[in-house]
Amino acid sequence: MQKIKNVDYIISIEESASNICAEIGPKIVDSVFQRYGAHCIEDLNPANLPDVFSELYAIEADLR
């Protein structure tokens, strides 16, 4: 069950990251990943997926 949840987080992170990049560019997304020691979504520790999603979702919501 946890694996499915991680896949859902990854999909949501990808969608938010894509929307942010389209609106303001990749620097913000890159900075969020870097705070979690990652260069891309594949580098993220699964334990950090909820936090990364929350940050990106909040940024995306501010763009609306």
Protein backbone atom coordinates (compact mmCIF):
# COMPACT_ATOMS: atom_id res chain seq x y z
CA MET A 1 0.00 0.00 0.00
CA GLN A 2 2.81 2.43 0.82
CA LYS A 3 4.25 1.99 -2.69
CA ILE A 4 0.98 3.10 -4.25
CA LYS A 5 0.92 6.13 -2.00
CA ASN A 6 4.47 7.05 -3.06
CA VAL A 7 3.48 6.73 -6.71
CA ASP A 8 0.57 9.09 -6.08
CA TYR A 9 2.91 11.62 -4.45
CA ILE A 10 5.34 11.35 -7.35
CA ILE A 11 2.58 11.97 -9.88
CA SER A 12 1.32 14.96 -7.90
CA ILE A 13 4.83 16.37 -7.51
CA GLU A 14 5.41 16.02 -11.25
CA GLU A 15 2.15 17.84 -12.03
CA SER A 16 2.85 20.69 -9.60
CA ALA A 17 6.44 21.00 -10.77
CA SER A 18 5.30 21.15 -14.39
CA ASN A 19 2.77 23.88 -13.64
CA ILE A 20 5.32 25.92 -11.67
CA CYS A 21 7.93 25.57 -14.40
CA ALA A 22 5.42 26.70 -17.02
CA GLU A 23 4.50 29.79 -15.02
CA ILE A 24 7.78 30.96 -13.49
CA GLY A 25 10.52 28.58 -14.60
CA PRO A 26 12.41 25.69 -13.04
CA LYS A 27 14.51 27.57 -10.47
CA ILE A 28 11.86 27.38 -7.76
CA VAL A 29 11.28 23.65 -8.27
CA ASP A 30 15.02 23.05 -8.30
CA SER A 31 15.41 24.94 -5.03
CA VAL A 32 12.74 22.81 -3.34
CA PHE A 33 14.44 19.62 -4.53
CA GLN A 34 17.83 20.90 -3.37
CA ARG A 35 16.52 21.55 0.15
CA TYR A 36 15.80 17.84 0.29
CA GLY A 37 19.18 16.82 -1.13
CA ALA A 38 17.85 15.98 -4.58
CA HIS A 39 18.47 17.21 -8.10
CA CYS A 40 15.32 15.65 -9.53
CA ILE A 41 12.27 13.75 -8.42
CA GLU A 42 14.03 10.39 -8.73
CA ASP A 43 16.63 11.51 -6.16
CA LEU A 44 14.06 12.28 -3.47
CA ASN A 45 13.95 10.15 -0.37
CA PRO A 46 10.49 8.51 -0.26
CA ALA A 47 10.07 9.77 3.31
CA ASN A 48 10.29 13.34 1.99
CA LEU A 49 7.67 12.99 -0.73
CA PRO A 50 4.78 14.38 1.36
CA ASP A 51 6.82 17.44 2.40
CA VAL A 52 8.05 18.13 -1.13
CA PHE A 53 4.51 17.81 -2.45
CA SER A 54 3.21 20.18 0.22
CA GLU A 55 5.80 22.82 -0.63
CA LEU A 56 5.26 22.59 -4.37
CA TYR A 57 1.49 22.55 -4.02
CA ALA A 58 1.59 25.69 -1.87
CA ILE A 59 3.75 27.45 -4.45
CA GLU A 60 1.43 26.34 -7.23
CA ALA A 61 -1.63 27.54 -5.31
CA ASP A 62 -0.03 30.98 -4.90
CA LEU A 63 0.26 31.24 -8.69
CA ARG A 64 -3.51 31.05 -9.15
